[in-house]
Protein backbone atom coordinates (compact mmCIF):
# COMPACT_ATOMS: atom_id res chain seq x y z
CA MET A 1 -151.48 55.90 -110.15
CA VAL A 2 -152.79 58.87 -108.14
CA VAL A 3 -150.50 60.37 -105.87
CA LYS A 4 -151.64 60.35 -102.08
CA SER A 5 -150.64 64.23 -102.22
CA LYS A 6 -153.46 65.11 -104.75
CA ARG A 7 -156.42 62.46 -103.77
CA GLY A 8 -155.74 62.55 -100.17
CA ARG A 9 -155.48 59.17 -98.08
CA VAL A 10 -158.36 56.32 -98.12
CA ARG A 11 -159.11 53.36 -96.03
CA TYR A 12 -161.00 50.34 -97.33
CA ILE A 13 -163.17 48.29 -94.99
CA ALA A 14 -164.09 44.83 -95.21
CA PHE A 15 -167.30 43.50 -94.54
CA ASP A 16 -168.98 40.26 -94.01
CA VAL A 17 -172.25 40.07 -95.74
CA PRO A 18 -174.91 37.84 -97.22
CA ALA A 19 -173.41 35.33 -99.87
CA ASP A 20 -176.10 35.73 -102.35
CA LEU A 21 -175.70 39.76 -101.83
CA ARG A 22 -174.58 41.27 -105.20
CA LYS A 23 -172.72 44.28 -106.14
CA ASP A 24 -175.27 46.10 -107.45
CA ILE A 25 -177.82 45.43 -105.05
CA LEU A 26 -175.76 46.63 -102.44
CA ILE A 27 -175.23 50.04 -104.12
CA LYS A 28 -178.74 50.71 -104.08
CA LYS A 29 -179.07 49.76 -100.67
CA VAL A 30 -176.36 52.03 -99.63
CA ASN A 31 -177.63 55.04 -102.10
CA SER A 32 -181.38 54.33 -100.89
CA THR A 33 -179.85 55.31 -97.16
CA GLY A 34 -179.45 58.90 -98.85
CA SER A 35 -175.70 59.33 -97.23
CA GLY A 36 -173.85 57.04 -99.58
CA GLU A 37 -172.20 59.41 -101.40
CA HIS A 38 -169.02 59.36 -98.95
CA LEU A 39 -168.59 55.56 -99.78
CA TYR A 40 -167.81 53.75 -102.71
CA VAL A 41 -168.41 49.96 -102.88
CA VAL A 42 -165.15 48.28 -104.20
CA GLN A 43 -166.25 44.87 -104.45
CA CYS A 44 -168.88 42.37 -103.42
CA ALA A 45 -168.13 38.65 -103.68
CA SER A 46 -168.40 35.32 -101.92
CA GLY A 47 -169.76 36.50 -98.84
CA LYS A 48 -167.45 39.59 -98.35
CA ALA A 49 -167.69 43.36 -99.51
CA VAL A 50 -164.97 46.03 -99.27
CA VAL A 51 -166.09 50.10 -99.48
CA ARG A 52 -163.73 52.69 -99.85
CA CYS A 53 -164.10 55.69 -97.65
CA SER A 54 -162.08 58.42 -95.89
CA PRO A 55 -160.14 58.05 -93.04
CA ALA A 56 -162.31 60.44 -91.09
CA GLY A 57 -165.31 58.97 -92.59
CA ARG A 58 -164.93 55.40 -91.32
CA GLU A 59 -167.37 55.11 -88.74
CA GLU A 60 -169.80 56.81 -90.94
CA ALA A 61 -169.23 54.38 -93.42
CA VAL A 62 -169.85 51.43 -91.21
CA ARG A 63 -172.93 52.77 -89.97
CA ILE A 64 -174.14 53.32 -93.53
CA LEU A 65 -173.60 49.97 -94.51
CA THR A 66 -175.25 48.45 -91.47
CA GLN A 67 -178.06 50.45 -92.01
CA ALA A 68 -178.19 49.44 -95.75
CA GLU A 69 -177.58 45.72 -94.76
CA PRO A 70 -178.55 44.85 -91.24
CA SER A 71 -176.71 41.72 -91.40
CA CYS A 72 -173.35 42.92 -92.29
CA VAL A 73 -170.50 42.91 -89.99
CA SER A 74 -167.24 44.96 -90.26
CA LEU A 75 -164.03 42.76 -90.29
CA MET A 76 -161.08 45.07 -90.66
CA THR A 77 -159.99 48.35 -92.13
CA SER A 78 -156.64 49.23 -94.18
CA GLY A 79 -155.02 51.71 -95.89
CA THR A 80 -154.93 49.18 -98.81
CA LEU A 81 -156.65 46.95 -100.94
CA HIS A 82 -153.59 44.39 -101.01
CA LYS A 83 -153.70 44.19 -97.11
CA ILE A 84 -157.30 43.27 -97.26
CA ARG A 85 -157.04 40.58 -100.03
CA GLU A 86 -154.08 39.40 -98.50
CA ARG A 87 -156.22 38.27 -95.31
CA TYR A 88 -159.32 37.41 -97.18
CA PRO A 89 -158.22 35.36 -100.18
CA GLU A 90 -161.75 35.14 -101.72
CA LEU A 91 -161.63 38.56 -102.87
CA LYS A 92 -158.74 38.22 -104.91
CA VAL A 93 -160.90 36.52 -107.68
CA THR A 94 -163.31 39.42 -109.04
CA LYS A 95 -166.76 38.14 -110.24
CA LYS A 96 -167.91 39.23 -114.01
């Protein structure tokens, strides 16, 4: 595990997205906005998506994702994936 002092702090943002949206399609949409290099799509399953960004880039990440997929809605922000997956159990199981 990487120490926060080396990697820096991160924020995970959970989004409500269309149920049929796949991770690879979401990544393409984010990259097509031209400013998606500041966030990483961690997971997209069961109508929910999780992205990782820096604490300072949280608002920018929400703006980028809503620009890429207008129907998405930000649900919560957390410093850990554990907290997001605890609140939204459908994100505990990853689709392969």
